[in-house]
Amino acid sequence: MPHAAGKKTTPKASHRLSVSLTEEQHAELLEIAEQNKVSVAWVVREAIERLLRDEQPLFHVRQER
């Protein structure tokens, strides 16, 4: 697809997921997010990061943001 003149495009560095949570899981995530003044999305990303790091510490490569 052609680029508009003068318009820069950057590749997406993230992927979007859709998950279903129980009411209890969602409520707990909301509580954690509110207590830490962050978004629920941030809490979920942090949980995934910790899982990956803890499950495969020798193979995990953290990308700098």
N, C-alpha and C. Protein backbone atom coordinates (compact mmCIF):
# COMPACT_ATOMS: atom_id res chain seq x y z
N MET A 1 0.84 -1.17 0.00
CA MET A 1 0.00 0.00 0.00
C MET A 1 0.89 1.24 0.00
N PRO A 2 0.62 2.23 -0.84
CA PRO A 2 1.47 3.41 -0.92
C PRO A 2 1.36 4.26 0.33
N HIS A 3 2.47 4.96 0.64
CA HIS A 3 2.51 5.85 1.80
C HIS A 3 2.05 7.24 1.39
N ALA A 4 1.34 7.92 2.27
CA ALA A 4 0.95 9.30 2.02
C ALA A 4 2.21 10.16 2.06
N ALA A 5 2.27 11.17 1.24
CA ALA A 5 3.45 12.04 1.18
C ALA A 5 3.69 12.70 2.53
N GLY A 6 4.93 12.59 3.02
CA GLY A 6 5.30 13.22 4.28
C GLY A 6 4.82 12.50 5.52
N LYS A 7 4.12 11.43 5.37
CA LYS A 7 3.60 10.70 6.53
C LYS A 7 4.51 9.52 6.84
N LYS A 8 5.02 9.49 8.07
CA LYS A 8 5.88 8.39 8.48
C LYS A 8 5.03 7.26 9.06
N THR A 9 5.43 6.05 8.75
CA THR A 9 4.77 4.90 9.35
C THR A 9 5.80 4.12 10.14
N THR A 10 5.39 3.64 11.29
CA THR A 10 6.28 2.84 12.11
C THR A 10 5.62 1.49 12.36
N PRO A 11 6.41 0.44 12.37
CA PRO A 11 5.83 -0.87 12.62
C PRO A 11 5.33 -0.96 14.06
N LYS A 12 4.24 -1.68 14.23
CA LYS A 12 3.72 -1.89 15.58
C LYS A 12 4.66 -2.78 16.36
N ALA A 13 4.96 -2.36 17.57
CA ALA A 13 5.86 -3.12 18.42
C ALA A 13 5.09 -3.99 19.39
N SER A 14 3.78 -3.95 19.34
CA SER A 14 3.00 -4.73 20.30
C SER A 14 1.92 -5.53 19.58
N HIS A 15 1.38 -6.49 20.30
CA HIS A 15 0.32 -7.34 19.78
C HIS A 15 -0.86 -7.25 20.73
N ARG A 16 -2.05 -7.23 20.20
CA ARG A 16 -3.25 -7.12 21.00
C ARG A 16 -3.83 -8.52 21.23
N LEU A 17 -4.23 -8.77 22.49
CA LEU A 17 -4.84 -10.04 22.86
C LEU A 17 -6.23 -9.78 23.44
N SER A 18 -7.05 -10.77 23.37
CA SER A 18 -8.37 -10.71 24.00
C SER A 18 -8.49 -11.91 24.92
N VAL A 19 -8.80 -11.66 26.18
CA VAL A 19 -8.95 -12.75 27.13
C VAL A 19 -10.25 -12.57 27.90
N SER A 20 -10.78 -13.67 28.38
CA SER A 20 -11.98 -13.63 29.22
C SER A 20 -11.57 -13.91 30.65
N LEU A 21 -12.07 -13.10 31.58
CA LEU A 21 -11.75 -13.23 32.99
C LEU A 21 -13.03 -13.47 33.77
N THR A 22 -12.88 -14.11 34.91
CA THR A 22 -14.03 -14.22 35.81
C THR A 22 -14.25 -12.85 36.45
N GLU A 23 -15.40 -12.65 37.04
CA GLU A 23 -15.66 -11.39 37.74
C GLU A 23 -14.65 -11.17 38.85
N GLU A 24 -14.31 -12.25 39.54
CA GLU A 24 -13.36 -12.15 40.65
C GLU A 24 -11.97 -11.74 40.16
N GLN A 25 -11.52 -12.33 39.06
CA GLN A 25 -10.21 -11.98 38.51
C GLN A 25 -10.18 -10.51 38.09
N HIS A 26 -11.23 -10.08 37.42
CA HIS A 26 -11.29 -8.69 36.96
C HIS A 26 -11.32 -7.73 38.14
N ALA A 27 -12.09 -8.05 39.15
CA ALA A 27 -12.17 -7.20 40.34
C ALA A 27 -10.81 -7.10 41.03
N GLU A 28 -10.10 -8.21 41.10
CA GLU A 28 -8.79 -8.21 41.74
C GLU A 28 -7.78 -7.39 40.93
N LEU A 29 -7.83 -7.51 39.61
CA LEU A 29 -6.95 -6.71 38.76
C LEU A 29 -7.25 -5.22 38.91
N LEU A 30 -8.53 -4.87 38.95
CA LEU A 30 -8.91 -3.47 39.15
C LEU A 30 -8.38 -2.94 40.48
N GLU A 31 -8.50 -3.74 41.52
CA GLU A 31 -8.02 -3.33 42.84
C GLU A 31 -6.51 -3.11 42.84
N ILE A 32 -5.78 -4.04 42.23
CA ILE A 32 -4.32 -3.90 42.15
C ILE A 32 -3.96 -2.64 41.37
N ALA A 33 -4.64 -2.42 40.26
CA ALA A 33 -4.37 -1.25 39.42
C ALA A 33 -4.64 0.04 40.19
N GLU A 34 -5.76 0.11 40.87
CA GLU A 34 -6.11 1.31 41.63
C GLU A 34 -5.10 1.56 42.75
N GLN A 35 -4.71 0.52 43.46
CA GLN A 35 -3.76 0.67 44.56
C GLN A 35 -2.41 1.19 44.08
N ASN A 36 -2.03 0.81 42.87
CA ASN A 36 -0.73 1.19 42.32
C ASN A 36 -0.80 2.36 41.34
N LYS A 37 -2.01 2.89 41.16
CA LYS A 37 -2.22 4.03 40.25
C LYS A 37 -1.70 3.75 38.84
N VAL A 38 -2.04 2.58 38.35
CA VAL A 38 -1.69 2.18 36.99
C VAL A 38 -2.93 1.61 36.32
N SER A 39 -2.84 1.31 35.04
CA SER A 39 -3.96 0.71 34.33
C SER A 39 -4.01 -0.80 34.54
N VAL A 40 -5.17 -1.37 34.30
CA VAL A 40 -5.30 -2.82 34.36
C VAL A 40 -4.40 -3.45 33.30
N ALA A 41 -4.29 -2.82 32.14
CA ALA A 41 -3.42 -3.35 31.09
C ALA A 41 -1.98 -3.43 31.57
N TRP A 42 -1.52 -2.41 32.32
CA TRP A 42 -0.17 -2.43 32.84
C TRP A 42 0.01 -3.60 33.81
N VAL A 43 -0.98 -3.82 34.67
CA VAL A 43 -0.91 -4.93 35.63
C VAL A 43 -0.80 -6.26 34.89
N VAL A 44 -1.59 -6.42 33.85
CA VAL A 44 -1.56 -7.68 33.08
C VAL A 44 -0.21 -7.85 32.39
N ARG A 45 0.30 -6.78 31.76
CA ARG A 45 1.62 -6.88 31.11
C ARG A 45 2.71 -7.22 32.12
N GLU A 46 2.66 -6.60 33.30
CA GLU A 46 3.65 -6.88 34.34
C GLU A 46 3.56 -8.33 34.81
N ALA A 47 2.34 -8.84 34.96
CA ALA A 47 2.16 -10.24 35.37
C ALA A 47 2.73 -11.19 34.33
N ILE A 48 2.50 -10.89 33.06
CA ILE A 48 3.04 -11.73 31.99
C ILE A 48 4.56 -11.67 31.99
N GLU A 49 5.11 -10.47 32.15
CA GLU A 49 6.57 -10.30 32.20
C GLU A 49 7.17 -11.13 33.33
N ARG A 50 6.56 -11.08 34.49
CA ARG A 50 7.07 -11.85 35.63
C ARG A 50 6.95 -13.35 35.39
N LEU A 51 5.86 -13.80 34.81
CA LEU A 51 5.68 -15.22 34.50
C LEU A 51 6.78 -15.68 33.54
N LEU A 52 7.00 -14.93 32.48
CA LEU A 52 8.03 -15.31 31.51
C LEU A 52 9.41 -15.33 32.15
N ARG A 53 9.71 -14.35 32.95
CA ARG A 53 11.02 -14.26 33.62
C ARG A 53 11.20 -15.41 34.61
N ASP A 54 10.17 -15.71 35.39
CA ASP A 54 10.28 -16.74 36.42
C ASP A 54 10.25 -18.16 35.87
N GLU A 55 9.53 -18.37 34.79
CA GLU A 55 9.40 -19.72 34.21
C GLU A 55 10.62 -20.11 33.38
N GLN A 56 11.21 -19.17 32.70
CA GLN A 56 12.35 -19.45 31.82
C GLN A 56 13.44 -18.39 32.01
N PRO A 57 13.99 -18.26 33.21
CA PRO A 57 14.93 -17.17 33.46
C PRO A 57 16.18 -17.17 32.59
N LEU A 58 16.67 -18.32 32.20
CA LEU A 58 17.88 -18.37 31.38
C LEU A 58 17.62 -18.01 29.93
N PHE A 59 16.40 -18.20 29.50
CA PHE A 59 16.06 -17.95 28.09
C PHE A 59 15.37 -16.63 27.87
N HIS A 60 14.93 -16.00 28.95
CA HIS A 60 14.17 -14.77 28.83
C HIS A 60 15.08 -13.59 28.51
N VAL A 61 14.73 -12.85 27.49
CA VAL A 61 15.47 -11.67 27.11
C VAL A 61 14.52 -10.49 27.24
N ARG A 62 14.80 -9.63 28.22
CA ARG A 62 13.94 -8.47 28.43
C ARG A 62 14.31 -7.38 27.42
N GLN A 63 13.31 -6.90 26.71
CA GLN A 63 13.54 -5.83 25.76
C GLN A 63 13.40 -4.50 26.47
N GLU A 64 14.34 -3.62 26.26
CA GLU A 64 14.28 -2.29 26.85
C GLU A 64 13.19 -1.50 26.17
N ARG A 65 12.46 -0.72 26.96
CA ARG A 65 11.36 0.07 26.40
C ARG A 65 11.74 1.49 26.26
